[in-house]
């Protein structure tokens, strides 16, 4: 593979894993705002994590099988579609139920992303899997670190959470196409 294509793949993988991390971590930073706006109890608010990670675990398990059956590309595309729809659902929510639904959908997308991306990285960077996997995890770590910081900062200066949460969704839907 030529150097230009390799760099393109690194950034493609990096963006996918960056937004995967954002989808996982953004809830904690936005949760106090959502609890206040939608007047929900801590118990109900805590279900958001359950909804995301339950579907994440189930689809992570099934995505390996689906990749073997249909190939990695369709499952990666499906993951980005679900992540984008989940972000969109949350950013347009007018009730807490839609935030719950958005988290469930994002969990599907996150789970469909995990196995295919790891397999894709190993396949594309054959012989250099270790370096490529480390790079992918660096992008994931940047997303996990920057997501709560940016959310807290933007909420602190009065920026609407709806715009902030719609941004990754719009990017992922454009990326999908």
C-alpha atoms as a PDB file:
ATOM      1  CA  UNK A   1       0.000   0.000   0.000  1.00  0.00           C
ATOM      2  CA  UNK A   2       1.358   3.432  -0.857  1.00  0.00           C
ATOM      3  CA  UNK A   3       2.008   6.029   1.835  1.00  0.00           C
ATOM      4  CA  UNK A   4      -0.898   8.300   0.811  1.00  0.00           C
ATOM      5  CA  UNK A   5      -3.425   5.458   1.034  1.00  0.00           C
ATOM      6  CA  UNK A   6      -1.969   4.355   4.352  1.00  0.00           C
ATOM      7  CA  UNK A   7      -2.344   7.847   5.838  1.00  0.00           C
ATOM      8  CA  UNK A   8      -5.904   8.020   4.499  1.00  0.00           C
ATOM      9  CA  UNK A   9      -6.708   4.718   6.240  1.00  0.00           C
ATOM     10  CA  UNK A  10      -5.168   5.941   9.516  1.00  0.00           C
ATOM     11  CA  UNK A  11      -7.370   9.029   9.493  1.00  0.00           C
ATOM     12  CA  UNK A  12     -10.479   7.085   8.503  1.00  0.00           C
ATOM     13  CA  UNK A  13      -9.909   4.623  11.332  1.00  0.00           C
ATOM     14  CA  UNK A  14      -8.962   7.450  13.670  1.00  0.00           C
ATOM     15  CA  UNK A  15     -12.167   9.396  13.054  1.00  0.00           C
ATOM     16  CA  UNK A  16     -14.315   6.297  13.475  1.00  0.00           C
ATOM     17  CA  UNK A  17     -12.704   5.451  16.816  1.00  0.00           C
ATOM     18  CA  UNK A  18     -12.640   9.090  17.960  1.00  0.00           C
ATOM     19  CA  UNK A  19     -16.410   9.350  17.538  1.00  0.00           C
ATOM     20  CA  UNK A  20     -16.929   5.907  19.022  1.00  0.00           C
ATOM     21  CA  UNK A  21     -15.215   7.162  22.176  1.00  0.00           C
ATOM     22  CA  UNK A  22     -17.303  10.345  22.125  1.00  0.00           C
ATOM     23  CA  UNK A  23     -20.485   8.248  21.921  1.00  0.00           C
ATOM     24  CA  UNK A  24     -19.392   6.266  24.971  1.00  0.00           C
ATOM     25  CA  UNK A  25     -18.219   9.086  27.177  1.00  0.00           C
ATOM     26  CA  UNK A  26     -20.392  12.103  26.401  1.00  0.00           C
ATOM     27  CA  UNK A  27     -23.289  10.940  28.559  1.00  0.00           C
ATOM     28  CA  UNK A  28     -21.527  11.484  31.858  1.00  0.00           C
ATOM     29  CA  UNK A  29     -20.735  15.105  31.090  1.00  0.00           C
ATOM     30  CA  UNK A  30     -24.182  15.978  29.711  1.00  0.00           C
ATOM     31  CA  UNK A  31     -26.198  13.960  32.231  1.00  0.00           C
ATOM     32  CA  UNK A  32     -26.618  16.683  34.918  1.00  0.00           C
ATOM     33  CA  UNK A  33     -27.957  19.068  32.269  1.00  0.00           C
ATOM     34  CA  UNK A  34     -30.385  16.457  30.945  1.00  0.00           C
ATOM     35  CA  UNK A  35     -31.567  15.559  34.456  1.00  0.00           C
ATOM     36  CA  UNK A  36     -32.316  19.228  35.090  1.00  0.00           C
ATOM     37  CA  UNK A  37     -34.048  19.889  31.754  1.00  0.00           C
ATOM     38  CA  UNK A  38     -36.145  16.716  31.679  1.00  0.00           C
ATOM     39  CA  UNK A  39     -36.681  16.457  35.459  1.00  0.00           C
ATOM     40  CA  UNK A  40     -35.668  12.800  35.727  1.00  0.00           C
ATOM     41  CA  UNK A  41     -34.431  10.916  38.759  1.00  0.00           C
ATOM     42  CA  UNK A  42     -30.878   9.666  39.106  1.00  0.00           C
ATOM     43  CA  UNK A  43     -32.189   6.117  38.767  1.00  0.00           C
ATOM     44  CA  UNK A  44     -33.770   6.794  35.400  1.00  0.00           C
ATOM     45  CA  UNK A  45     -30.808   8.845  34.227  1.00  0.00           C
ATOM     46  CA  UNK A  46     -28.458   6.005  35.145  1.00  0.00           C
ATOM     47  CA  UNK A  47     -30.306   3.728  32.746  1.00  0.00           C
ATOM     48  CA  UNK A  48     -28.672   5.567  29.881  1.00  0.00           C
ATOM     49  CA  UNK A  49     -25.415   3.757  30.587  1.00  0.00           C
ATOM     50  CA  UNK A  50     -27.256   0.443  30.799  1.00  0.00           C
ATOM     51  CA  UNK A  51     -29.027   1.042  27.470  1.00  0.00           C
ATOM     52  CA  UNK A  52     -25.805   1.956  25.683  1.00  0.00           C
ATOM     53  CA  UNK A  53     -23.592  -0.785  27.060  1.00  0.00           C
ATOM     54  CA  UNK A  54     -26.178  -3.565  26.928  1.00  0.00           C
ATOM     55  CA  UNK A  55     -26.705  -3.072  23.207  1.00  0.00           C
ATOM     56  CA  UNK A  56     -22.967  -2.472  22.769  1.00  0.00           C
ATOM     57  CA  UNK A  57     -22.067  -5.835  24.309  1.00  0.00           C
ATOM     58  CA  UNK A  58     -24.736  -7.726  22.378  1.00  0.00           C
ATOM     59  CA  UNK A  59     -23.807  -6.215  19.022  1.00  0.00           C
ATOM     60  CA  UNK A  60     -20.063  -6.527  19.687  1.00  0.00           C
ATOM     61  CA  UNK A  61     -20.630 -10.230  20.170  1.00  0.00           C
ATOM     62  CA  UNK A  62     -22.786 -10.567  17.057  1.00  0.00           C
ATOM     63  CA  UNK A  63     -20.729  -8.234  14.844  1.00  0.00           C
ATOM     64  CA  UNK A  64     -17.889 -10.756  14.570  1.00  0.00           C
ATOM     65  CA  UNK A  65     -20.298 -13.355  13.232  1.00  0.00           C
ATOM     66  CA  UNK A  66     -21.893 -10.811  10.897  1.00  0.00           C
ATOM     67  CA  UNK A  67     -18.459  -9.778   9.578  1.00  0.00           C
ATOM     68  CA  UNK A  68     -17.618 -13.386   8.815  1.00  0.00           C
ATOM     69  CA  UNK A  69     -20.920 -13.757   6.983  1.00  0.00           C
ATOM     70  CA  UNK A  70     -21.290 -10.378   5.182  1.00  0.00           C
ATOM     71  CA  UNK A  71     -17.802  -8.858   5.309  1.00  0.00           C
ATOM     72  CA  UNK A  72     -16.386  -6.034   7.416  1.00  0.00           C
ATOM     73  CA  UNK A  73     -17.337  -3.089   5.241  1.00  0.00           C
ATOM     74  CA  UNK A  74     -21.148  -3.415   5.479  1.00  0.00           C
ATOM     75  CA  UNK A  75     -20.961  -3.823   9.261  1.00  0.00           C
ATOM     76  CA  UNK A  76     -18.667  -0.791   9.635  1.00  0.00           C
ATOM     77  CA  UNK A  77     -21.040   1.230   7.448  1.00  0.00           C
ATOM     78  CA  UNK A  78     -23.974   0.034   9.557  1.00  0.00           C
ATOM     79  CA  UNK A  79     -22.121   1.054  12.719  1.00  0.00           C
ATOM     80  CA  UNK A  80     -21.603   4.591  11.461  1.00  0.00           C
ATOM     81  CA  UNK A  81     -25.246   4.846  10.433  1.00  0.00           C
ATOM     82  CA  UNK A  82     -26.429   3.755  13.898  1.00  0.00           C
ATOM     83  CA  UNK A  83     -24.003   6.098  15.660  1.00  0.00           C
ATOM     84  CA  UNK A  84     -25.134   9.023  13.499  1.00  0.00           C
ATOM     85  CA  UNK A  85     -28.826   8.278  14.034  1.00  0.00           C
ATOM     86  CA  UNK A  86     -28.247   7.923  17.780  1.00  0.00           C
ATOM     87  CA  UNK A  87     -26.510  11.305  18.001  1.00  0.00           C
ATOM     88  CA  UNK A  88     -29.292  12.862  15.926  1.00  0.00           C
ATOM     89  CA  UNK A  89     -31.996  11.298  18.101  1.00  0.00           C
ATOM     90  CA  UNK A  90     -30.385  12.661  21.256  1.00  0.00           C
ATOM     91  CA  UNK A  91     -29.713  16.123  19.844  1.00  0.00           C
ATOM     92  CA  UNK A  92     -33.345  16.549  18.774  1.00  0.00           C
ATOM     93  CA  UNK A  93     -34.875  14.965  21.893  1.00  0.00           C
ATOM     94  CA  UNK A  94     -37.821  16.769  23.410  1.00  0.00           C
ATOM     95  CA  UNK A  95     -38.301  14.120  26.061  1.00  0.00           C
ATOM     96  CA  UNK A  96     -35.945  11.919  28.026  1.00  0.00           C
ATOM     97  CA  UNK A  97     -37.400   8.884  26.259  1.00  0.00           C
ATOM     98  CA  UNK A  98     -35.737  10.029  23.018  1.00  0.00           C
ATOM     99  CA  UNK A  99     -32.392  10.391  24.790  1.00  0.00           C
ATOM    100  CA  UNK A 100     -32.845   6.816  26.026  1.00  0.00           C
ATOM    101  CA  UNK A 101     -33.699   5.686  22.503  1.00  0.00           C
ATOM    102  CA  UNK A 102     -30.682   7.546  21.118  1.00  0.00           C
ATOM    103  CA  UNK A 103     -28.358   5.865  23.621  1.00  0.00           C
ATOM    104  CA  UNK A 104     -29.756   2.464  22.700  1.00  0.00           C
ATOM    105  CA  UNK A 105     -29.177   3.164  18.992  1.00  0.00           C
ATOM    106  CA  UNK A 106     -25.667   4.498  19.644  1.00  0.00           C
ATOM    107  CA  UNK A 107     -24.909   1.336  21.612  1.00  0.00           C
ATOM    108  CA  UNK A 108     -25.862  -0.687  18.542  1.00  0.00           C
ATOM    109  CA  UNK A 109     -23.529   1.419  16.436  1.00  0.00           C
ATOM    110  CA  UNK A 110     -20.706   1.172  18.939  1.00  0.00           C
ATOM    111  CA  UNK A 111     -20.976  -2.582  19.133  1.00  0.00           C
ATOM    112  CA  UNK A 112     -21.078  -2.964  15.370  1.00  0.00           C
ATOM    113  CA  UNK A 113     -17.913  -0.873  15.200  1.00  0.00           C
ATOM    114  CA  UNK A 114     -15.621  -2.728  17.598  1.00  0.00           C
ATOM    115  CA  UNK A 115     -14.926  -6.133  16.006  1.00  0.00           C
ATOM    116  CA  UNK A 116     -14.937  -5.063  12.348  1.00  0.00           C
ATOM    117  CA  UNK A 117     -12.554  -2.162  12.948  1.00  0.00           C
ATOM    118  CA  UNK A 118     -10.071  -4.371  14.777  1.00  0.00           C
ATOM    119  CA  UNK A 119     -10.274  -6.948  11.995  1.00  0.00           C
ATOM    120  CA  UNK A 120     -10.035  -4.260   9.334  1.00  0.00           C
ATOM    121  CA  UNK A 121      -6.931  -2.779  10.952  1.00  0.00           C
ATOM    122  CA  UNK A 122      -5.281  -6.204  11.129  1.00  0.00           C
ATOM    123  CA  UNK A 123      -6.156  -6.907   7.510  1.00  0.00           C
ATOM    124  CA  UNK A 124      -5.107  -3.566   6.023  1.00  0.00           C
ATOM    125  CA  UNK A 125      -1.903  -3.176   8.035  1.00  0.00           C
ATOM    126  CA  UNK A 126      -0.752  -6.779   7.714  1.00  0.00           C
ATOM    127  CA  UNK A 127       2.669  -7.080   9.314  1.00  0.00           C
ATOM    128  CA  UNK A 128       2.273  -3.767  11.155  1.00  0.00           C
ATOM    129  CA  UNK A 129      -0.873  -4.541  13.133  1.00  0.00           C
ATOM    130  CA  UNK A 130       0.660  -3.556  16.458  1.00  0.00           C
ATOM    131  CA  UNK A 131       1.497  -0.026  15.384  1.00  0.00           C
ATOM    132  CA  UNK A 132      -1.840   0.416  13.604  1.00  0.00           C
ATOM    133  CA  UNK A 133      -3.826  -0.861  16.600  1.00  0.00           C
ATOM    134  CA  UNK A 134      -1.880   1.477  18.890  1.00  0.00           C
ATOM    135  CA  UNK A 135      -2.661   4.408  16.605  1.00  0.00           C
ATOM    136  CA  UNK A 136      -6.347   3.496  16.601  1.00  0.00           C
ATOM    137  CA  UNK A 137      -6.382   3.426  20.386  1.00  0.00           C
ATOM    138  CA  UNK A 138      -4.653   6.803  20.529  1.00  0.00           C
ATOM    139  CA  UNK A 139      -7.533   8.290  18.509  1.00  0.00           C
ATOM    140  CA  UNK A 140      -9.995   6.526  20.809  1.00  0.00           C
ATOM    141  CA  UNK A 141      -8.153   7.941  23.835  1.00  0.00           C
ATOM    142  CA  UNK A 142      -8.212  11.452  22.378  1.00  0.00           C
ATOM    143  CA  UNK A 143     -11.972  11.137  21.933  1.00  0.00           C
ATOM    144  CA  UNK A 144     -12.420   9.786  25.459  1.00  0.00           C
ATOM    145  CA  UNK A 145     -10.333  12.624  26.905  1.00  0.00           C
ATOM    146  CA  UNK A 146     -11.663  15.488  24.816  1.00  0.00           C
ATOM    147  CA  UNK A 147     -15.358  14.520  24.898  1.00  0.00           C
ATOM    148  CA  UNK A 148     -16.085  15.291  28.560  1.00  0.00           C
ATOM    149  CA  UNK A 149     -13.753  18.288  28.564  1.00  0.00           C
ATOM    150  CA  UNK A 150     -15.391  19.876  25.521  1.00  0.00           C
ATOM    151  CA  UNK A 151     -18.874  19.054  26.748  1.00  0.00           C
ATOM    152  CA  UNK A 152     -18.218  20.587  30.151  1.00  0.00           C
ATOM    153  CA  UNK A 153     -16.530  23.636  28.681  1.00  0.00           C
ATOM    154  CA  UNK A 154     -19.211  24.278  26.077  1.00  0.00           C
ATOM    155  CA  UNK A 155     -22.044  23.774  28.548  1.00  0.00           C
ATOM    156  CA  UNK A 156     -20.230  26.072  30.977  1.00  0.00           C
ATOM    157  CA  UNK A 157     -20.133  28.942  28.477  1.00  0.00           C
ATOM    158  CA  UNK A 158     -23.809  28.497  27.596  1.00  0.00           C
ATOM    159  CA  UNK A 159     -23.436  26.557  24.348  1.00  0.00           C
ATOM    160  CA  UNK A 160     -26.471  24.396  23.631  1.00  0.00           C
ATOM    161  CA  UNK A 161     -25.914  20.700  24.214  1.00  0.00           C
ATOM    162  CA  UNK A 162     -28.116  20.012  21.192  1.00  0.00           C
ATOM    163  CA  UNK A 163     -25.621  21.600  18.799  1.00  0.00           C
ATOM    164  CA  UNK A 164     -22.667  19.907  20.390  1.00  0.00           C
ATOM    165  CA  UNK A 165     -24.269  16.462  20.263  1.00  0.00           C
ATOM    166  CA  UNK A 166     -25.553  16.915  16.726  1.00  0.00           C
ATOM    167  CA  UNK A 167     -22.029  17.667  15.433  1.00  0.00           C
ATOM    168  CA  UNK A 168     -20.685  14.097  15.672  1.00  0.00           C
ATOM    169  CA  UNK A 169     -23.957  12.787  14.269  1.00  0.00           C
ATOM    170  CA  UNK A 170     -23.744  15.063  11.237  1.00  0.00           C
ATOM    171  CA  UNK A 171     -20.105  14.143  10.685  1.00  0.00           C
ATOM    172  CA  UNK A 172     -20.863  10.424  10.926  1.00  0.00           C
ATOM    173  CA  UNK A 173     -23.805  10.634   8.554  1.00  0.00           C
ATOM    174  CA  UNK A 174     -21.689  12.537   6.012  1.00  0.00           C
ATOM    175  CA  UNK A 175     -18.931   9.974   6.594  1.00  0.00           C
ATOM    176  CA  UNK A 176     -21.490   7.225   6.054  1.00  0.00           C
ATOM    177  CA  UNK A 177     -22.212   8.470   2.536  1.00  0.00           C
END
